[in-house]
PDB file of N, CA and C in Angstrom:
ATOM      1  N   MET A   1     -54.834  60.434 159.874  1.00  0.00           N
ATOM      2  CA  MET A   1     -55.966  59.596 159.584  1.00  0.00           C
ATOM      3  C   MET A   1     -56.262  58.838 160.992  1.00  0.00           C
ATOM      4  N   ASP A   2     -57.587  58.889 161.067  1.00  0.00           N
ATOM      5  CA  ASP A   2     -58.211  58.006 162.220  1.00  0.00           C
ATOM      6  C   ASP A   2     -58.252  56.484 162.051  1.00  0.00           C
ATOM      7  N   VAL A   3     -58.148  55.808 163.117  1.00  0.00           N
ATOM      8  CA  VAL A   3     -58.041  54.391 162.884  1.00  0.00           C
ATOM      9  C   VAL A   3     -59.516  53.833 162.456  1.00  0.00           C
ATOM     10  N   GLU A   4     -60.093  54.259 163.127  1.00  0.00           N
ATOM     11  CA  GLU A   4     -61.581  54.280 162.639  1.00  0.00           C
ATOM     12  C   GLU A   4     -62.171  54.052 161.034  1.00  0.00           C
ATOM     13  N   MET A   5     -61.359  55.534 160.778  1.00  0.00           N
ATOM     14  CA  MET A   5     -61.474  55.763 159.264  1.00  0.00           C
ATOM     15  C   MET A   5     -60.636  54.913 158.311  1.00  0.00           C
ATOM     16  N   LEU A   6     -59.455  54.178 158.633  1.00  0.00           N
ATOM     17  CA  LEU A   6     -58.715  53.168 157.844  1.00  0.00           C
ATOM     18  C   LEU A   6     -59.642  51.838 157.970  1.00  0.00           C
ATOM     19  N   GLU A   7     -60.359  51.496 159.136  1.00  0.00           N
ATOM     20  CA  GLU A   7     -61.234  50.223 159.077  1.00  0.00           C
ATOM     21  C   GLU A   7     -62.308  50.245 158.063  1.00  0.00           C
ATOM     22  N   GLN A   8     -62.903  51.574 158.118  1.00  0.00           N
ATOM     23  CA  GLN A   8     -64.099  51.635 157.196  1.00  0.00           C
ATOM     24  C   GLN A   8     -63.590  51.583 155.608  1.00  0.00           C
ATOM     25  N   LEU A   9     -62.222  52.256 155.572  1.00  0.00           N
ATOM     26  CA  LEU A   9     -61.471  51.956 153.999  1.00  0.00           C
ATOM     27  C   LEU A   9     -61.361  50.691 153.584  1.00  0.00           C
ATOM     28  N   LEU A  10     -60.745  49.692 154.474  1.00  0.00           N
ATOM     29  CA  LEU A  10     -60.209  48.402 154.418  1.00  0.00           C
ATOM     30  C   LEU A  10     -61.802  47.774 154.436  1.00  0.00           C
ATOM     31  N   ALA A  11     -62.926  47.898 154.748  1.00  0.00           N
ATOM     32  CA  ALA A  11     -64.287  47.222 154.489  1.00  0.00           C
ATOM     33  C   ALA A  11     -64.764  47.363 153.211  1.00  0.00           C
ATOM     34  N   GLN A  12     -64.682  48.595 152.893  1.00  0.00           N
ATOM     35  CA  GLN A  12     -64.938  49.127 151.527  1.00  0.00           C
ATOM     36  C   GLN A  12     -64.176  48.284 150.444  1.00  0.00           C
ATOM     37  N   SER A  13     -62.957  48.145 150.420  1.00  0.00           N
ATOM     38  CA  SER A  13     -61.829  47.584 149.719  1.00  0.00           C
ATOM     39  C   SER A  13     -62.304  46.102 149.481  1.00  0.00           C
ATOM     40  N   GLN A  14     -62.289  45.687 150.569  1.00  0.00           N
ATOM     41  CA  GLN A  14     -62.878  43.984 150.715  1.00  0.00           C
ATOM     42  C   GLN A  14     -64.159  43.712 150.116  1.00  0.00           C
ATOM     43  N   SER A  15     -65.012  44.589 150.349  1.00  0.00           N
ATOM     44  CA  SER A  15     -66.266  44.534 149.305  1.00  0.00           C
ATOM     45  C   SER A  15     -66.253  44.724 148.066  1.00  0.00           C
ATOM     46  N   LEU A  16     -65.351  45.616 147.687  1.00  0.00           N
ATOM     47  CA  LEU A  16     -65.301  45.692 145.947  1.00  0.00           C
ATOM     48  C   LEU A  16     -64.426  44.576 145.827  1.00  0.00           C
ATOM     49  N   LEU A  17     -63.572  44.200 146.395  1.00  0.00           N
ATOM     50  CA  LEU A  17     -62.554  42.972 145.343  1.00  0.00           C
ATOM     51  C   LEU A  17     -63.704  41.828 145.554  1.00  0.00           C
ATOM     52  N   VAL A  18     -64.333  41.471 146.453  1.00  0.00           N
ATOM     53  CA  VAL A  18     -65.380  40.579 146.432  1.00  0.00           C
ATOM     54  C   VAL A  18     -66.191  40.882 145.210  1.00  0.00           C
ATOM     55  N   ILE A  19     -66.979  41.714 145.249  1.00  0.00           N
ATOM     56  CA  ILE A  19     -67.663  42.345 143.944  1.00  0.00           C
ATOM     57  C   ILE A  19     -66.931  42.034 142.604  1.00  0.00           C
ATOM     58  N   SER A  20     -65.920  42.355 142.575  1.00  0.00           N
ATOM     59  CA  SER A  20     -65.157  42.335 141.045  1.00  0.00           C
ATOM     60  C   SER A  20     -64.661  40.876 141.037  1.00  0.00           C
ATOM     61  N   LEU A  21     -64.315  39.944 141.944  1.00  0.00           N
ATOM     62  CA  LEU A  21     -64.150  38.567 141.614  1.00  0.00           C
ATOM     63  C   LEU A  21     -65.563  37.668 141.204  1.00  0.00           C
ATOM     64  N   LEU A  22     -66.532  38.148 141.712  1.00  0.00           N
ATOM     65  CA  LEU A  22     -67.708  37.605 141.493  1.00  0.00           C
ATOM     66  C   LEU A  22     -68.270  37.898 139.786  1.00  0.00           C
ATOM     67  N   ILE A  23     -67.928  39.241 139.749  1.00  0.00           N
ATOM     68  CA  ILE A  23     -68.252  39.738 138.346  1.00  0.00           C
ATOM     69  C   ILE A  23     -67.560  38.789 137.216  1.00  0.00           C
ATOM     70  N   SER A  24     -66.048  38.809 137.670  1.00  0.00           N
ATOM     71  CA  SER A  24     -64.950  37.891 136.901  1.00  0.00           C
ATOM     72  C   SER A  24     -65.570  36.624 136.781  1.00  0.00           C
ATOM     73  N   LEU A  25     -66.110  35.923 137.586  1.00  0.00           N
ATOM     74  CA  LEU A  25     -66.421  34.638 137.788  1.00  0.00           C
ATOM     75  C   LEU A  25     -67.817  34.465 136.899  1.00  0.00           C
ATOM     76  N   ALA A  26     -68.646  35.149 136.984  1.00  0.00           N
ATOM     77  CA  ALA A  26     -69.640  35.472 136.244  1.00  0.00           C
ATOM     78  C   ALA A  26     -69.425  35.497 134.619  1.00  0.00           C
ATOM     79  N   CYS A  27     -68.440  36.422 134.344  1.00  0.00           N
ATOM     80  CA  CYS A  27     -67.862  36.284 133.260  1.00  0.00           C
ATOM     81  C   CYS A  27     -67.418  35.281 132.237  1.00  0.00           C
ATOM     82  N   ALA A  28     -66.526  34.783 133.085  1.00  0.00           N
ATOM     83  CA  ALA A  28     -65.871  33.441 132.896  1.00  0.00           C
ATOM     84  C   ALA A  28     -66.465  32.396 132.608  1.00  0.00           C
ATOM     85  N   VAL A  29     -67.674  32.162 133.272  1.00  0.00           N
ATOM     86  CA  VAL A  29     -68.904  30.903 133.136  1.00  0.00           C
ATOM     87  C   VAL A  29     -69.594  31.122 132.065  1.00  0.00           C
ATOM     88  N   LEU A  30     -69.729  32.686 131.651  1.00  0.00           N
ATOM     89  CA  LEU A  30     -70.745  33.134 130.622  1.00  0.00           C
ATOM     90  C   LEU A  30     -69.918  32.905 129.314  1.00  0.00           C
ATOM     91  N   CYS A  31     -68.914  32.991 129.390  1.00  0.00           N
ATOM     92  CA  CYS A  31     -67.809  33.251 127.840  1.00  0.00           C
ATOM     93  C   CYS A  31     -67.494  31.861 127.744  1.00  0.00           C
ATOM     94  N   GLY A  32     -67.288  30.922 128.824  1.00  0.00           N
ATOM     95  CA  GLY A  32     -67.268  29.416 128.606  1.00  0.00           C
ATOM     96  C   GLY A  32     -68.433  28.686 128.067  1.00  0.00           C
ATOM     97  N   VAL A  33     -69.822  29.070 128.397  1.00  0.00           N
ATOM     98  CA  VAL A  33     -70.801  28.248 127.943  1.00  0.00           C
ATOM     99  C   VAL A  33     -71.068  29.034 126.408  1.00  0.00           C
ATOM    100  N   ILE A  34     -70.876  30.291 126.152  1.00  0.00           N
ATOM    101  CA  ILE A  34     -71.358  30.762 124.984  1.00  0.00           C
ATOM    102  C   ILE A  34     -70.176  30.124 123.954  1.00  0.00           C
ATOM    103  N   ALA A  35     -68.987  29.734 124.509  1.00  0.00           N
ATOM    104  CA  ALA A  35     -67.977  29.395 123.586  1.00  0.00           C
ATOM    105  C   ALA A  35     -68.168  27.768 123.245  1.00  0.00           C
ATOM    106  N   ALA A  36     -68.763  27.034 124.270  1.00  0.00           N
ATOM    107  CA  ALA A  36     -69.088  25.811 124.025  1.00  0.00           C
ATOM    108  C   ALA A  36     -70.343  25.687 122.966  1.00  0.00           C
ATOM    109  N   ARG A  37     -71.243  26.268 123.227  1.00  0.00           N
ATOM    110  CA  ARG A  37     -72.103  26.377 122.209  1.00  0.00           C
ATOM    111  C   ARG A  37     -71.688  26.792 120.871  1.00  0.00           C
ATOM    112  N   ARG A  38     -70.967  27.591 120.850  1.00  0.00           N
ATOM    113  CA  ARG A  38     -70.346  28.263 119.198  1.00  0.00           C
ATOM    114  C   ARG A  38     -69.291  26.950 118.765  1.00  0.00           C
ATOM    115  N   HIS A  39     -68.989  25.973 119.612  1.00  0.00           N
ATOM    116  CA  HIS A  39     -67.956  25.162 119.141  1.00  0.00           C
ATOM    117  C   HIS A  39     -66.556  25.493 119.174  1.00  0.00           C
ATOM    118  N   ALA A  40     -66.260  26.475 119.899  1.00  0.00           N
ATOM    119  CA  ALA A  40     -65.111  27.154 120.273  1.00  0.00           C
ATOM    120  C   ALA A  40     -64.300  26.723 121.441  1.00  0.00           C
ATOM    121  N   ARG A  41     -63.156  27.072 121.593  1.00  0.00           N
ATOM    122  CA  ARG A  41     -62.135  26.743 122.834  1.00  0.00           C
ATOM    123  C   ARG A  41     -62.855  27.241 124.180  1.00  0.00           C
ATOM    124  N   TRP A  42     -63.638  26.504 124.821  1.00  0.00           N
ATOM    125  CA  TRP A  42     -64.249  27.043 125.786  1.00  0.00           C
ATOM    126  C   TRP A  42     -63.397  27.235 127.220  1.00  0.00           C
ATOM    127  N   VAL A  43     -62.481  26.438 127.493  1.00  0.00           N
ATOM    128  CA  VAL A  43     -61.539  26.865 128.627  1.00  0.00           C
ATOM    129  C   VAL A  43     -60.785  27.945 128.261  1.00  0.00           C
ATOM    130  N   TYR A  44     -60.103  28.056 127.062  1.00  0.00           N
ATOM    131  CA  TYR A  44     -59.715  29.592 126.622  1.00  0.00           C
ATOM    132  C   TYR A  44     -60.334  30.789 127.055  1.00  0.00           C
ATOM    133  N   TRP A  45     -61.766  30.536 126.614  1.00  0.00           N
ATOM    134  CA  TRP A  45     -62.734  32.054 126.561  1.00  0.00           C
ATOM    135  C   TRP A  45     -62.859  31.950 128.002  1.00  0.00           C
ATOM    136  N   ALA A  46     -63.389  30.935 128.875  1.00  0.00           N
ATOM    137  CA  ALA A  46     -63.439  30.953 130.101  1.00  0.00           C
ATOM    138  C   ALA A  46     -62.372  31.641 131.071  1.00  0.00           C
ATOM    139  N   VAL A  47     -61.161  31.435 130.442  1.00  0.00           N
ATOM    140  CA  VAL A  47     -60.007  32.100 131.227  1.00  0.00           C
ATOM    141  C   VAL A  47     -60.070  33.779 130.788  1.00  0.00           C
ATOM    142  N   MET A  48     -60.180  33.975 129.215  1.00  0.00           N
ATOM    143  CA  MET A  48     -60.416  35.470 128.815  1.00  0.00           C
ATOM    144  C   MET A  48     -61.428  35.908 129.643  1.00  0.00           C
ATOM    145  N   GLY A  49     -62.844  35.555 130.008  1.00  0.00           N
ATOM    146  CA  GLY A  49     -63.641  36.023 130.520  1.00  0.00           C
ATOM    147  C   GLY A  49     -63.234  36.236 131.933  1.00  0.00           C
ATOM    148  N   PHE A  50     -62.816  35.382 132.673  1.00  0.00           N
ATOM    149  CA  PHE A  50     -62.207  35.797 134.373  1.00  0.00           C
ATOM    150  C   PHE A  50     -61.283  36.837 133.989  1.00  0.00           C
ATOM    151  N   ALA A  51     -60.541  36.971 133.041  1.00  0.00           N
ATOM    152  CA  ALA A  51     -59.028  37.821 133.029  1.00  0.00           C
ATOM    153  C   ALA A  51     -59.505  39.349 132.768  1.00  0.00           C
ATOM    154  N   PHE A  52     -60.651  39.424 131.550  1.00  0.00           N
ATOM    155  CA  PHE A  52     -61.143  40.626 131.080  1.00  0.00           C
ATOM    156  C   PHE A  52     -62.485  40.979 131.448  1.00  0.00           C
ATOM    157  N   GLY A  53     -63.265  40.246 132.079  1.00  0.00           N
ATOM    158  CA  GLY A  53     -64.410  40.355 132.433  1.00  0.00           C
ATOM    159  C   GLY A  53     -65.660  40.561 131.281  1.00  0.00           C
ATOM    160  N   PRO A  54     -66.303  41.732 131.560  1.00  0.00           N
ATOM    161  CA  PRO A  54     -67.359  42.122 130.549  1.00  0.00           C
ATOM    162  C   PRO A  54     -66.806  42.282 129.027  1.00  0.00           C
ATOM    163  N   PHE A  55     -65.387  42.750 129.349  1.00  0.00           N
ATOM    164  CA  PHE A  55     -64.726  43.338 127.851  1.00  0.00           C
ATOM    165  C   PHE A  55     -64.711  42.234 127.022  1.00  0.00           C
ATOM    166  N   ALA A  56     -64.631  40.703 127.708  1.00  0.00           N
ATOM    167  CA  ALA A  56     -64.227  39.664 126.793  1.00  0.00           C
ATOM    168  C   ALA A  56     -65.414  39.121 125.881  1.00  0.00           C
ATOM    169  N   LEU A  57     -66.865  39.398 126.542  1.00  0.00           N
ATOM    170  CA  LEU A  57     -67.835  38.821 126.002  1.00  0.00           C
ATOM    171  C   LEU A  57     -68.206  39.337 124.314  1.00  0.00           C
ATOM    172  N   PRO A  58     -67.974  40.559 124.043  1.00  0.00           N
ATOM    173  CA  PRO A  58     -68.287  40.935 122.467  1.00  0.00           C
ATOM    174  C   PRO A  58     -67.507  39.695 121.594  1.00  0.00           C
ATOM    175  N   PHE A  59     -66.288  39.512 122.376  1.00  0.00           N
ATOM    176  CA  PHE A  59     -65.182  38.859 121.385  1.00  0.00           C
ATOM    177  C   PHE A  59     -65.536  37.351 121.052  1.00  0.00           C
ATOM    178  N   VAL A  60     -66.246  36.834 122.330  1.00  0.00           N
ATOM    179  CA  VAL A  60     -66.356  35.439 122.283  1.00  0.00           C
ATOM    180  C   VAL A  60     -67.601  34.929 121.035  1.00  0.00           C
ATOM    181  N   PHE A  61     -68.143  35.933 120.810  1.00  0.00           N
ATOM    182  CA  PHE A  61     -69.431  35.637 119.906  1.00  0.00           C
ATOM    183  C   PHE A  61     -68.721  35.790 118.358  1.00  0.00           C
ATOM    184  N   LEU A  62     -67.336  36.277 118.228  1.00  0.00           N
ATOM    185  CA  LEU A  62     -66.381  36.329 117.171  1.00  0.00           C
ATOM    186  C   LEU A  62     -65.472  35.273 116.917  1.00  0.00           C
ATOM    187  N   ALA A  63     -65.645  34.242 118.187  1.00  0.00           N
ATOM    188  CA  ALA A  63     -64.774  33.016 117.910  1.00  0.00           C
ATOM    189  C   ALA A  63     -64.942  32.328 116.980  1.00  0.00           C
ATOM    190  N   LYS A  64     -63.918  31.584 116.258  1.00  0.00           N
ATOM    191  CA  LYS A  64     -63.841  30.417 115.182  1.00  0.00           C
ATOM    192  C   LYS A  64     -64.324  29.344 115.600  1.00  0.00           C
ATOM    193  N   PRO A  65     -64.958  28.588 115.090  1.00  0.00           N
ATOM    194  CA  PRO A  65     -65.149  27.070 115.744  1.00  0.00           C
ATOM    195  C   PRO A  65     -63.905  26.215 115.660  1.00  0.00           C
ATOM    196  N   LYS A  66     -63.772  25.513 116.666  1.00  0.00           N
ATOM    197  CA  LYS A  66     -62.757  24.498 116.372  1.00  0.00           C
ATOM    198  C   LYS A  66     -62.616  23.568 115.023  1.00  0.00           C
ATOM    199  N   PRO A  67     -61.679  23.413 114.183  1.00  0.00           N
ATOM    200  CA  PRO A  67     -61.660  22.440 113.018  1.00  0.00           C
ATOM    201  C   PRO A  67     -62.050  21.304 113.478  1.00  0.00           C
ATOM    202  N   LYS A  68     -62.790  20.667 112.618  1.00  0.00           N
ATOM    203  CA  LYS A  68     -63.218  19.334 112.610  1.00  0.00           C
ATOM    204  C   LYS A  68     -62.376  18.370 112.091  1.00  0.00           C
ATOM    205  N   PRO A  69     -61.659  17.391 112.896  1.00  0.00           N
ATOM    206  CA  PRO A  69     -61.035  16.319 112.540  1.00  0.00           C
ATOM    207  C   PRO A  69     -61.251  15.511 111.360  1.00  0.00           C
ATOM    208  N   LYS A  70     -60.346  15.183 110.504  1.00  0.00           N
ATOM    209  CA  LYS A  70     -60.769  14.751 109.113  1.00  0.00           C
ATOM    210  C   LYS A  70     -60.955  13.092 109.564  1.00  0.00           C
ATOM    211  N   PRO A  71     -61.819  12.691 108.809  1.00  0.00           N
ATOM    212  CA  PRO A  71     -62.071  11.134 109.411  1.00  0.00           C
ATOM    213  C   PRO A  71     -61.208  10.335 108.865  1.00  0.00           C
ATOM    214  N   LYS A  72     -60.760   9.555 109.675  1.00  0.00           N
ATOM    215  CA  LYS A  72     -59.535   8.553 109.009  1.00  0.00           C
ATOM    216  C   LYS A  72     -60.456   7.477 107.943  1.00  0.00           C
ATOM    217  N   GLY A  73     -60.413   7.356 107.095  1.00  0.00           N
ATOM    218  CA  GLY A  73     -60.838   5.956 106.284  1.00  0.00           C
ATOM    219  C   GLY A  73     -60.099   5.430 105.288  1.00  0.00           C
ATOM    220  N   PRO A  74     -60.250   4.484 105.128  1.00  0.00           N
ATOM    221  CA  PRO A  74     -59.357   3.204 104.170  1.00  0.00           C
ATOM    222  C   PRO A  74     -58.759   3.960 102.862  1.00  0.00           C
ATOM    223  N   GLU A  75     -59.523   4.846 102.686  1.00  0.00           N
ATOM    224  CA  GLU A  75     -58.580   5.898 101.345  1.00  0.00           C
ATOM    225  C   GLU A  75     -57.335   6.640 101.953  1.00  0.00           C
ATOM    226  N   ASP A  76     -57.357   6.937 103.238  1.00  0.00           N
ATOM    227  CA  ASP A  76     -56.176   7.623 103.889  1.00  0.00           C
ATOM    228  C   ASP A  76     -55.142   6.715 104.107  1.00  0.00           C
ATOM    229  N   THR A  77     -55.358   5.487 104.189  1.00  0.00           N
ATOM    230  CA  THR A  77     -54.137   4.726 104.823  1.00  0.00           C
ATOM    231  C   THR A  77     -53.263   4.519 103.618  1.00  0.00           C
ATOM    232  N   LYS A  78     -51.828   4.232 103.760  1.00  0.00           N
ATOM    233  CA  LYS A  78     -51.157   3.899 102.919  1.00  0.00           C
ATOM    234  C   LYS A  78     -50.372   2.689 103.089  1.00  0.00           C
ATOM    235  N   PRO A  79     -50.508   1.582 101.885  1.00  0.00           N
ATOM    236  CA  PRO A  79     -49.986   0.567 102.431  1.00  0.00           C
ATOM    237  C   PRO A  79     -48.709   0.203 102.562  1.00  0.00           C
TER     238      PRO A  79
END
């Protein structure tokens, strides 16, 4: 292989890496925002969006919302 050919291959692989990282970052932000609006765990879905990219997007719409904490009232306290 020629040195010039290797340099071209390296440049192409670097640009592909940058593009894939940008896509993963965009999917992480998008999944996090969608999950937050659906009252789901946005940090979890942001990580899933980064790890799995566009494949995580359909699943974030199926995410169950976080359970609401039960309010503590006077009837819940025991003497």
